[in-house]
Amino acid sequence: MTAVQTGQLAPEFRLKGPGGQWVSLSDYRGRQPVVLVFYPLAFSPVCSHQLPDVQSRLEEIRGLGAAVLGISVDSHYANEAFARSLKLDFPLLSDLKRQAMTAYGVLNADGGFSERAVFVIDRDGHIVYRDVSANAGDMRQIPSNERLLEALRALSR
């Protein structure tokens, strides 16, 4: 499975977020860039490191006008508990049917969960940055927050 590439129109999705509210990528189109953070499983060790690292850069990301959405195969209930436990200030979305993971080409078919990946989508809905980890379980292969910030800075030039 090949991940979507930069320059492509980002695939649309509609997923349950906090409180069971539906969130769609199109909610942001024309308004602001979006950072999608695909993570394999709530409460897993590497994800429990990756998402707080994103949280630590959230002020910079938002300062560049972008929204952050986390996406995993977990239920919206599990994601809410995970977000509370890590004190995350961005929504985690449930892709139980694996539609977004499949559309973005990051579904780990053997495991039934997503690979670890970050996509930056511009206001017009095009992918301008992608970073897909070759090994989702390797702490050293967490997608770089520095590179995603560089991609966001390039959008604001």
Protein backbone atom coordinates (compact mmCIF):
# COMPACT_ATOMS: atom_id res chain seq x y z
CA MET A 1 0.00 0.00 0.00
CA THR A 2 1.43 3.38 -0.98
CA ALA A 3 0.78 6.50 1.06
CA VAL A 4 -0.71 9.50 -0.70
CA GLN A 5 1.94 11.84 -2.04
CA THR A 6 2.64 15.54 -1.74
CA GLY A 7 0.73 17.59 -4.29
CA GLN A 8 -2.27 15.26 -4.20
CA LEU A 9 -5.68 16.32 -2.95
CA ALA A 10 -6.04 14.95 0.58
CA PRO A 11 -8.69 12.25 0.86
CA GLU A 12 -11.84 13.37 2.65
CA PHE A 13 -12.89 11.65 5.87
CA ARG A 14 -15.64 11.90 8.48
CA LEU A 15 -14.64 10.40 11.83
CA LYS A 16 -15.93 10.48 15.40
CA GLY A 17 -14.00 12.71 17.74
CA PRO A 18 -14.41 13.87 21.33
CA GLY A 19 -17.92 13.41 22.67
CA GLY A 20 -18.82 11.33 19.61
CA GLN A 21 -18.98 14.48 17.45
CA TRP A 22 -18.28 14.01 13.76
CA VAL A 23 -15.20 15.72 12.34
CA SER A 24 -14.53 16.01 8.60
CA LEU A 25 -11.43 17.21 6.79
CA SER A 26 -13.69 19.46 4.73
CA ASP A 27 -14.58 21.34 7.95
CA TYR A 28 -11.16 22.99 7.59
CA ARG A 29 -10.93 23.44 3.81
CA GLY A 30 -10.58 27.07 2.85
CA ARG A 31 -10.06 28.04 6.49
CA GLN A 32 -6.75 26.65 7.73
CA PRO A 33 -4.05 24.04 7.21
CA VAL A 34 -4.41 20.71 8.99
CA VAL A 35 -1.79 18.41 10.49
CA LEU A 36 -2.94 14.78 10.53
CA VAL A 37 -1.12 12.58 13.03
CA PHE A 38 -1.83 8.89 12.43
CA TYR A 39 -0.85 6.74 15.42
CA PRO A 40 -1.31 2.97 15.77
CA LEU A 41 -2.92 2.46 19.18
CA ALA A 42 -3.96 4.51 22.20
CA PHE A 43 -2.03 3.75 25.39
CA SER A 44 0.84 2.06 23.52
CA PRO A 45 4.36 3.11 24.60
CA VAL A 46 5.52 4.88 21.43
CA CYS A 47 2.18 6.66 20.91
CA SER A 48 2.29 7.74 24.56
CA HIS A 49 5.56 9.48 23.70
CA GLN A 50 4.67 10.80 20.23
CA LEU A 51 1.43 12.61 21.03
CA PRO A 52 2.75 14.56 24.06
CA ASP A 53 5.66 15.60 21.83
CA VAL A 54 3.14 17.02 19.34
CA GLN A 55 1.32 18.68 22.27
CA SER A 56 4.58 20.35 23.34
CA ARG A 57 4.74 22.04 19.90
CA LEU A 58 1.02 22.78 19.64
CA GLU A 59 1.38 26.50 20.39
CA GLU A 60 3.85 26.84 17.50
CA ILE A 61 1.65 24.79 15.18
CA ARG A 62 -1.42 26.85 16.02
CA GLY A 63 0.65 30.02 15.76
CA LEU A 64 1.22 29.05 12.13
CA GLY A 65 -2.56 28.82 11.67
CA ALA A 66 -2.89 25.04 11.60
CA ALA A 67 -5.18 22.60 13.37
CA VAL A 68 -3.95 19.18 14.57
CA LEU A 69 -6.04 16.02 14.37
CA GLY A 70 -4.86 12.67 15.71
CA ILE A 71 -6.27 9.53 14.05
CA SER A 72 -6.23 5.93 15.24
CA VAL A 73 -8.26 2.74 15.03
CA ASP A 74 -9.35 3.15 18.67
CA SER A 75 -12.93 4.03 19.61
CA HIS A 76 -13.71 7.65 20.36
CA TYR A 77 -14.20 6.58 23.99
CA ALA A 78 -10.68 5.13 24.21
CA ASN A 79 -9.26 8.18 22.43
CA GLU A 80 -10.97 10.52 24.91
CA ALA A 81 -9.48 8.61 27.85
CA PHE A 82 -6.06 8.57 26.14
CA ALA A 83 -6.20 12.32 25.46
CA ARG A 84 -7.18 13.01 29.09
CA SER A 85 -4.39 10.79 30.42
CA LEU A 86 -1.81 12.66 28.30
CA LYS A 87 -3.41 16.11 28.77
CA LEU A 88 -3.72 16.59 25.01
CA ASP A 89 -5.36 19.76 23.72
CA PHE A 90 -6.16 18.54 20.20
CA PRO A 91 -8.85 16.09 19.07
CA LEU A 92 -8.19 12.39 18.59
CA LEU A 93 -10.44 10.82 15.95
CA SER A 94 -11.66 7.25 15.69
CA ASP A 95 -11.12 5.42 12.40
CA LEU A 96 -12.74 2.14 13.50
CA LYS A 97 -13.64 1.23 9.93
CA ARG A 98 -10.08 2.04 8.79
CA GLN A 99 -11.37 4.25 5.96
CA ALA A 100 -9.00 7.20 6.49
CA MET A 101 -6.00 4.90 7.06
CA THR A 102 -6.78 3.09 3.84
CA ALA A 103 -7.39 6.29 1.86
CA TYR A 104 -4.07 7.77 3.05
CA GLY A 105 -2.25 4.49 2.38
CA VAL A 106 -1.09 3.99 5.96
CA LEU A 107 -3.13 0.95 7.04
CA ASN A 108 -0.97 -1.84 8.45
CA ALA A 109 -3.09 -4.66 7.04
CA ASP A 110 -1.40 -7.34 9.15
CA GLY A 111 -2.02 -5.49 12.41
CA GLY A 112 -5.30 -3.81 11.51
CA PHE A 113 -4.07 -0.41 12.70
CA SER A 114 -2.36 2.56 11.09
CA GLU A 115 1.30 3.10 10.50
CA ARG A 116 2.82 6.06 12.29
CA ALA A 117 2.52 9.01 9.89
CA VAL A 118 2.13 12.78 9.67
CA PHE A 119 0.55 14.71 6.81
CA VAL A 120 0.31 18.49 6.44
CA ILE A 121 -2.61 19.64 4.31
CA ASP A 122 -2.85 23.22 3.05
CA ARG A 123 -5.98 25.40 3.14
CA ASP A 124 -6.95 24.22 -0.34
CA GLY A 125 -6.85 20.56 0.71
CA HIS A 126 -3.56 19.52 -0.90
CA ILE A 127 -0.92 17.45 0.85
CA VAL A 128 2.23 19.56 1.20
CA TYR A 129 4.20 17.31 3.55
CA ARG A 130 4.22 13.63 4.47
CA ASP A 131 6.35 11.58 6.85
CA VAL A 132 5.52 7.88 7.12
CA SER A 133 7.57 5.84 9.58
CA ALA A 134 9.17 2.69 8.24
CA ASN A 135 8.72 1.03 11.67
CA ALA A 136 5.81 2.26 13.80
CA GLY A 137 7.20 0.56 16.90
CA ASP A 138 10.63 2.22 16.75
CA MET A 139 10.87 5.28 19.02
CA ARG A 140 13.66 6.64 16.80
CA GLN A 141 11.35 6.72 13.77
CA ILE A 142 8.64 8.99 15.14
CA PRO A 143 7.89 11.62 12.46
CA SER A 144 9.80 14.85 13.03
CA ASN A 145 7.97 17.81 14.53
CA GLU A 146 10.74 20.07 13.22
CA ARG A 147 10.07 19.06 9.62
CA LEU A 148 6.31 19.44 9.99
CA LEU A 149 6.86 22.94 11.44
CA GLU A 150 9.12 23.76 8.46
CA ALA A 151 6.30 22.66 6.12
CA LEU A 152 3.84 24.90 7.97
CA ARG A 153 6.25 27.85 7.88
CA ALA A 154 6.61 27.39 4.12
CA LEU A 155 2.82 27.73 3.78
CA SER A 156 2.82 31.07 5.55
CA ARG A 157 5.46 32.62 3.29
